[in-house]
């Protein structure tokens, strides 16, 4: 288990999963005030917004590292 956690890929994977879970809750708290949509649609929208933000963020990090 200790060797697994020392692996950089595993750390990145766990970081992405944690940021999706936490980010979805943060985004959901912002859009939960919208009227006319039910709970499941708001959760799906929050997940989509979170994944888009993560893709943009990781894209910038990757581009920054390529240009070094």
PDB file of N, CA and C in Angstrom:
ATOM      1  N   UNK A   1       0.832  -1.201   0.000  1.00  0.00           N
ATOM      2  CA  UNK A   1       0.000   0.000   0.000  1.00  0.00           C
ATOM      3  C   UNK A   1       0.868   1.253   0.000  1.00  0.00           C
ATOM      4  N   UNK A   2       1.972   1.218   0.760  1.00  0.00           N
ATOM      5  CA  UNK A   2       2.843   2.387   0.835  1.00  0.00           C
ATOM      6  C   UNK A   2       3.490   2.674  -0.517  1.00  0.00           C
ATOM      7  N   UNK A   3       3.891   1.597  -1.229  1.00  0.00           N
ATOM      8  CA  UNK A   3       4.472   1.777  -2.559  1.00  0.00           C
ATOM      9  C   UNK A   3       3.447   2.352  -3.520  1.00  0.00           C
ATOM     10  N   UNK A   4       2.197   1.934  -3.369  1.00  0.00           N
ATOM     11  CA  UNK A   4       1.144   2.426  -4.251  1.00  0.00           C
ATOM     12  C   UNK A   4       0.944   3.921  -4.061  1.00  0.00           C
ATOM     13  N   UNK A   5       0.984   4.390  -2.808  1.00  0.00           N
ATOM     14  CA  UNK A   5       0.788   5.811  -2.538  1.00  0.00           C
ATOM     15  C   UNK A   5       1.999   6.645  -2.932  1.00  0.00           C
ATOM     16  N   UNK A   6       3.173   6.018  -3.069  1.00  0.00           N
ATOM     17  CA  UNK A   6       4.345   6.751  -3.523  1.00  0.00           C
ATOM     18  C   UNK A   6       4.324   6.987  -5.029  1.00  0.00           C
ATOM     19  N   UNK A   7       3.457   6.273  -5.737  1.00  0.00           N
ATOM     20  CA  UNK A   7       3.355   6.410  -7.183  1.00  0.00           C
ATOM     21  C   UNK A   7       2.698   7.749  -7.529  1.00  0.00           C
ATOM     22  N   UNK A   8       3.346   8.515  -8.413  1.00  0.00           N
ATOM     23  CA  UNK A   8       2.831   9.845  -8.769  1.00  0.00           C
ATOM     24  C   UNK A   8       1.492   9.751  -9.488  1.00  0.00           C
ATOM     25  N   UNK A   9       1.346   8.763 -10.374  1.00  0.00           N
ATOM     26  CA  UNK A   9       0.096   8.609 -11.110  1.00  0.00           C
ATOM     27  C   UNK A   9      -1.082   8.354 -10.187  1.00  0.00           C
ATOM     28  N   UNK A  10      -0.856   7.549  -9.149  1.00  0.00           N
ATOM     29  CA  UNK A  10      -1.925   7.257  -8.185  1.00  0.00           C
ATOM     30  C   UNK A  10      -2.292   8.522  -7.420  1.00  0.00           C
ATOM     31  N   UNK A  11      -1.283   9.326  -7.043  1.00  0.00           N
ATOM     32  CA  UNK A  11      -1.562  10.581  -6.334  1.00  0.00           C
ATOM     33  C   UNK A  11      -2.386  11.525  -7.201  1.00  0.00           C
ATOM     34  N   UNK A  12      -2.023  11.628  -8.494  1.00  0.00           N
ATOM     35  CA  UNK A  12      -2.770  12.506  -9.400  1.00  0.00           C
ATOM     36  C   UNK A  12      -4.201  12.002  -9.544  1.00  0.00           C
ATOM     37  N   UNK A  13      -4.372  10.679  -9.705  1.00  0.00           N
ATOM     38  CA  UNK A  13      -5.697  10.090  -9.858  1.00  0.00           C
ATOM     39  C   UNK A  13      -6.561  10.356  -8.632  1.00  0.00           C
ATOM     40  N   UNK A  14      -5.996  10.144  -7.429  1.00  0.00           N
ATOM     41  CA  UNK A  14      -6.750  10.411  -6.197  1.00  0.00           C
ATOM     42  C   UNK A  14      -7.067  11.898  -6.065  1.00  0.00           C
ATOM     43  N   UNK A  15      -6.133  12.752  -6.472  1.00  0.00           N
ATOM     44  CA  UNK A  15      -6.371  14.197  -6.430  1.00  0.00           C
ATOM     45  C   UNK A  15      -7.507  14.609  -7.338  1.00  0.00           C
ATOM     46  N   UNK A  16      -7.563  14.013  -8.537  1.00  0.00           N
ATOM     47  CA  UNK A  16      -8.642  14.333  -9.474  1.00  0.00           C
ATOM     48  C   UNK A  16      -9.981  13.891  -8.898  1.00  0.00           C
ATOM     49  N   UNK A  17     -10.036  12.678  -8.333  1.00  0.00           N
ATOM     50  CA  UNK A  17     -11.296  12.182  -7.764  1.00  0.00           C
ATOM     51  C   UNK A  17     -11.752  13.072  -6.608  1.00  0.00           C
ATOM     52  N   UNK A  18     -10.821  13.429  -5.713  1.00  0.00           N
ATOM     53  CA  UNK A  18     -11.175  14.295  -4.582  1.00  0.00           C
ATOM     54  C   UNK A  18     -11.644  15.661  -5.050  1.00  0.00           C
ATOM     55  N   UNK A  19     -10.964  16.227  -6.055  1.00  0.00           N
ATOM     56  CA  UNK A  19     -11.358  17.555  -6.524  1.00  0.00           C
ATOM     57  C   UNK A  19     -12.707  17.516  -7.227  1.00  0.00           C
ATOM     58  N   UNK A  20     -13.025  16.398  -7.899  1.00  0.00           N
ATOM     59  CA  UNK A  20     -14.348  16.279  -8.518  1.00  0.00           C
ATOM     60  C   UNK A  20     -15.421  16.229  -7.435  1.00  0.00           C
ATOM     61  N   UNK A  21     -15.186  15.431  -6.390  1.00  0.00           N
ATOM     62  CA  UNK A  21     -16.191  15.300  -5.327  1.00  0.00           C
ATOM     63  C   UNK A  21     -16.390  16.636  -4.614  1.00  0.00           C
ATOM     64  N   UNK A  22     -15.285  17.270  -4.189  1.00  0.00           N
ATOM     65  CA  UNK A  22     -15.401  18.539  -3.461  1.00  0.00           C
ATOM     66  C   UNK A  22     -15.902  19.655  -4.369  1.00  0.00           C
ATOM     67  N   UNK A  23     -15.389  19.692  -5.607  1.00  0.00           N
ATOM     68  CA  UNK A  23     -15.796  20.741  -6.544  1.00  0.00           C
ATOM     69  C   UNK A  23     -17.269  20.662  -6.879  1.00  0.00           C
ATOM     70  N   UNK A  24     -17.787  19.427  -7.020  1.00  0.00           N
ATOM     71  CA  UNK A  24     -19.207  19.257  -7.339  1.00  0.00           C
ATOM     72  C   UNK A  24     -20.076  19.821  -6.223  1.00  0.00           C
ATOM     73  N   UNK A  25     -19.670  19.593  -4.990  1.00  0.00           N
ATOM     74  CA  UNK A  25     -20.450  20.115  -3.866  1.00  0.00           C
ATOM     75  C   UNK A  25     -20.411  21.644  -3.833  1.00  0.00           C
ATOM     76  N   UNK A  26     -19.240  22.218  -4.131  1.00  0.00           N
ATOM     77  CA  UNK A  26     -19.127  23.682  -4.134  1.00  0.00           C
ATOM     78  C   UNK A  26     -19.982  24.277  -5.247  1.00  0.00           C
ATOM     79  N   UNK A  27     -19.871  23.695  -6.468  1.00  0.00           N
ATOM     80  CA  UNK A  27     -20.660  24.208  -7.593  1.00  0.00           C
ATOM     81  C   UNK A  27     -22.142  24.011  -7.318  1.00  0.00           C
ATOM     82  N   UNK A  28     -22.510  22.859  -6.735  1.00  0.00           N
ATOM     83  CA  UNK A  28     -23.922  22.599  -6.447  1.00  0.00           C
ATOM     84  C   UNK A  28     -24.475  23.618  -5.463  1.00  0.00           C
ATOM     85  N   UNK A  29     -23.654  24.043  -4.504  1.00  0.00           N
ATOM     86  CA  UNK A  29     -24.143  25.030  -3.538  1.00  0.00           C
ATOM     87  C   UNK A  29     -24.434  26.363  -4.217  1.00  0.00           C
ATOM     88  N   UNK A  30     -23.709  26.657  -5.320  1.00  0.00           N
ATOM     89  CA  UNK A  30     -23.984  27.900  -6.043  1.00  0.00           C
ATOM     90  C   UNK A  30     -25.254  27.802  -6.875  1.00  0.00           C
ATOM     91  N   UNK A  31     -25.480  26.635  -7.528  1.00  0.00           N
ATOM     92  CA  UNK A  31     -26.631  26.539  -8.434  1.00  0.00           C
ATOM     93  C   UNK A  31     -27.863  25.963  -7.750  1.00  0.00           C
ATOM     94  N   UNK A  32     -27.796  25.662  -6.461  1.00  0.00           N
ATOM     95  CA  UNK A  32     -28.955  25.068  -5.791  1.00  0.00           C
ATOM     96  C   UNK A  32     -30.091  26.074  -5.616  1.00  0.00           C
ATOM     97  N   UNK A  33     -29.800  27.355  -5.824  1.00  0.00           N
ATOM     98  CA  UNK A  33     -30.843  28.375  -5.685  1.00  0.00           C
ATOM     99  C   UNK A  33     -31.677  28.543  -6.950  1.00  0.00           C
ATOM    100  N   UNK A  34     -31.309  27.844  -8.046  1.00  0.00           N
ATOM    101  CA  UNK A  34     -32.077  27.974  -9.285  1.00  0.00           C
ATOM    102  C   UNK A  34     -33.465  27.367  -9.105  1.00  0.00           C
ATOM    103  N   UNK A  35     -34.461  28.043  -9.648  1.00  0.00           N
ATOM    104  CA  UNK A  35     -35.833  27.536  -9.556  1.00  0.00           C
ATOM    105  C   UNK A  35     -36.176  26.738 -10.809  1.00  0.00           C
ATOM    106  N   UNK A  36     -37.069  25.780 -10.667  1.00  0.00           N
ATOM    107  CA  UNK A  36     -37.629  25.084 -11.811  1.00  0.00           C
ATOM    108  C   UNK A  36     -36.894  23.829 -12.245  1.00  0.00           C
ATOM    109  N   UNK A  37     -35.769  23.504 -11.633  1.00  0.00           N
ATOM    110  CA  UNK A  37     -35.098  22.252 -11.985  1.00  0.00           C
ATOM    111  C   UNK A  37     -35.031  21.369 -10.748  1.00  0.00           C
ATOM    112  N   UNK A  38     -35.087  20.059 -10.993  1.00  0.00           N
ATOM    113  CA  UNK A  38     -35.090  19.148  -9.851  1.00  0.00           C
ATOM    114  C   UNK A  38     -33.674  18.812  -9.400  1.00  0.00           C
ATOM    115  N   UNK A  39     -33.598  18.061  -8.324  1.00  0.00           N
ATOM    116  CA  UNK A  39     -32.326  17.773  -7.641  1.00  0.00           C
ATOM    117  C   UNK A  39     -31.326  17.060  -8.552  1.00  0.00           C
ATOM    118  N   UNK A  40     -31.808  16.049  -9.299  1.00  0.00           N
ATOM    119  CA  UNK A  40     -30.891  15.244 -10.115  1.00  0.00           C
ATOM    120  C   UNK A  40     -30.303  16.083 -11.239  1.00  0.00           C
ATOM    121  N   UNK A  41     -31.119  16.918 -11.883  1.00  0.00           N
ATOM    122  CA  UNK A  41     -30.603  17.770 -12.958  1.00  0.00           C
ATOM    123  C   UNK A  41     -29.568  18.752 -12.431  1.00  0.00           C
ATOM    124  N   UNK A  42     -29.796  19.287 -11.236  1.00  0.00           N
ATOM    125  CA  UNK A  42     -28.810  20.199 -10.641  1.00  0.00           C
ATOM    126  C   UNK A  42     -27.507  19.474 -10.335  1.00  0.00           C
ATOM    127  N   UNK A  43     -27.600  18.227  -9.848  1.00  0.00           N
ATOM    128  CA  UNK A  43     -26.392  17.448  -9.559  1.00  0.00           C
ATOM    129  C   UNK A  43     -25.607  17.167 -10.840  1.00  0.00           C
ATOM    130  N   UNK A  44     -26.326  16.810 -11.927  1.00  0.00           N
ATOM    131  CA  UNK A  44     -25.662  16.539 -13.209  1.00  0.00           C
ATOM    132  C   UNK A  44     -24.993  17.804 -13.730  1.00  0.00           C
ATOM    133  N   UNK A  45     -25.687  18.938 -13.643  1.00  0.00           N
ATOM    134  CA  UNK A  45     -25.123  20.208 -14.098  1.00  0.00           C
ATOM    135  C   UNK A  45     -23.892  20.576 -13.279  1.00  0.00           C
ATOM    136  N   UNK A  46     -23.955  20.367 -11.971  1.00  0.00           N
ATOM    137  CA  UNK A  46     -22.806  20.663 -11.111  1.00  0.00           C
ATOM    138  C   UNK A  46     -21.619  19.784 -11.487  1.00  0.00           C
ATOM    139  N   UNK A  47     -21.870  18.503 -11.777  1.00  0.00           N
ATOM    140  CA  UNK A  47     -20.790  17.596 -12.167  1.00  0.00           C
ATOM    141  C   UNK A  47     -20.173  18.029 -13.492  1.00  0.00           C
ATOM    142  N   UNK A  48     -21.001  18.418 -14.464  1.00  0.00           N
ATOM    143  CA  UNK A  48     -20.480  18.847 -15.763  1.00  0.00           C
ATOM    144  C   UNK A  48     -19.635  20.104 -15.629  1.00  0.00           C
ATOM    145  N   UNK A  49     -20.109  21.088 -14.868  1.00  0.00           N
ATOM    146  CA  UNK A  49     -19.354  22.329 -14.672  1.00  0.00           C
ATOM    147  C   UNK A  49     -18.024  22.028 -13.990  1.00  0.00           C
ATOM    148  N   UNK A  50     -18.044  21.153 -12.983  1.00  0.00           N
ATOM    149  CA  UNK A  50     -16.816  20.801 -12.259  1.00  0.00           C
ATOM    150  C   UNK A  50     -15.808  20.137 -13.180  1.00  0.00           C
ATOM    151  N   UNK A  51     -16.260  19.200 -14.018  1.00  0.00           N
ATOM    152  CA  UNK A  51     -15.344  18.501 -14.925  1.00  0.00           C
ATOM    153  C   UNK A  51     -14.763  19.473 -15.944  1.00  0.00           C
ATOM    154  N   UNK A  52     -15.576  20.417 -16.448  1.00  0.00           N
ATOM    155  CA  UNK A  52     -15.069  21.417 -17.394  1.00  0.00           C
ATOM    156  C   UNK A  52     -13.993  22.273 -16.736  1.00  0.00           C
ATOM    157  N   UNK A  53     -14.227  22.714 -15.500  1.00  0.00           N
ATOM    158  CA  UNK A  53     -13.231  23.522 -14.782  1.00  0.00           C
ATOM    159  C   UNK A  53     -11.947  22.727 -14.583  1.00  0.00           C
ATOM    160  N   UNK A  54     -12.071  21.442 -14.218  1.00  0.00           N
ATOM    161  CA  UNK A  54     -10.883  20.600 -14.027  1.00  0.00           C
ATOM    162  C   UNK A  54     -10.106  20.417 -15.318  1.00  0.00           C
ATOM    163  N   UNK A  55     -10.814  20.189 -16.437  1.00  0.00           N
ATOM    164  CA  UNK A  55     -10.135  20.011 -17.726  1.00  0.00           C
ATOM    165  C   UNK A  55      -9.365  21.272 -18.092  1.00  0.00           C
ATOM    166  N   UNK A  56      -9.980  22.444 -17.895  1.00  0.00           N
ATOM    167  CA  UNK A  56      -9.302  23.707 -18.195  1.00  0.00           C
ATOM    168  C   UNK A  56      -8.078  23.871 -17.303  1.00  0.00           C
ATOM    169  N   UNK A  57      -8.232  23.595 -16.009  1.00  0.00           N
ATOM    170  CA  UNK A  57      -7.119  23.752 -15.065  1.00  0.00           C
ATOM    171  C   UNK A  57      -5.958  22.832 -15.416  1.00  0.00           C
ATOM    172  N   UNK A  58      -6.251  21.536 -15.625  1.00  0.00           N
ATOM    173  CA  UNK A  58      -5.178  20.603 -15.956  1.00  0.00           C
ATOM    174  C   UNK A  58      -4.585  20.915 -17.321  1.00  0.00           C
ATOM    175  N   UNK A  59      -5.398  21.432 -18.243  1.00  0.00           N
ATOM    176  CA  UNK A  59      -4.869  21.838 -19.545  1.00  0.00           C
ATOM    177  C   UNK A  59      -3.831  22.933 -19.405  1.00  0.00           C
ATOM    178  N   UNK A  60      -4.121  23.934 -18.573  1.00  0.00           N
ATOM    179  CA  UNK A  60      -3.151  25.009 -18.346  1.00  0.00           C
ATOM    180  C   UNK A  60      -1.881  24.479 -17.691  1.00  0.00           C
ATOM    181  N   UNK A  61      -2.029  23.563 -16.719  1.00  0.00           N
ATOM    182  CA  UNK A  61      -0.848  23.002 -16.046  1.00  0.00           C
ATOM    183  C   UNK A  61       0.010  22.228 -17.044  1.00  0.00           C
ATOM    184  N   UNK A  62      -0.629  21.419 -17.890  1.00  0.00           N
ATOM    185  CA  UNK A  62       0.121  20.623 -18.869  1.00  0.00           C
ATOM    186  C   UNK A  62       0.812  21.534 -19.876  1.00  0.00           C
ATOM    187  N   UNK A  63       0.102  22.557 -20.386  1.00  0.00           N
ATOM    188  CA  UNK A  63       0.710  23.483 -21.343  1.00  0.00           C
ATOM    189  C   UNK A  63       1.880  24.228 -20.724  1.00  0.00           C
ATOM    190  N   UNK A  64       1.739  24.612 -19.463  1.00  0.00           N
ATOM    191  CA  UNK A  64       2.816  25.326 -18.774  1.00  0.00           C
ATOM    192  C   UNK A  64       4.053  24.444 -18.644  1.00  0.00           C
ATOM    193  N   UNK A  65       3.839  23.148 -18.360  1.00  0.00           N
ATOM    194  CA  UNK A  65       4.969  22.229 -18.221  1.00  0.00           C
ATOM    195  C   UNK A  65       5.613  21.899 -19.559  1.00  0.00           C
ATOM    196  N   UNK A  66       4.817  21.892 -20.647  1.00  0.00           N
ATOM    197  CA  UNK A  66       5.375  21.601 -21.973  1.00  0.00           C
ATOM    198  C   UNK A  66       6.292  22.744 -22.414  1.00  0.00           C
ATOM    199  N   UNK A  67       5.896  23.978 -22.106  1.00  0.00           N
ATOM    200  CA  UNK A  67       6.648  25.139 -22.578  1.00  0.00           C
ATOM    201  C   UNK A  67       7.938  25.383 -21.814  1.00  0.00           C
ATOM    202  N   UNK A  68       8.213  24.621 -20.754  1.00  0.00           N
ATOM    203  CA  UNK A  68       9.442  24.841 -19.974  1.00  0.00           C
ATOM    204  C   UNK A  68      10.676  24.488 -20.772  1.00  0.00           C
TER     205      UNK A  68
END
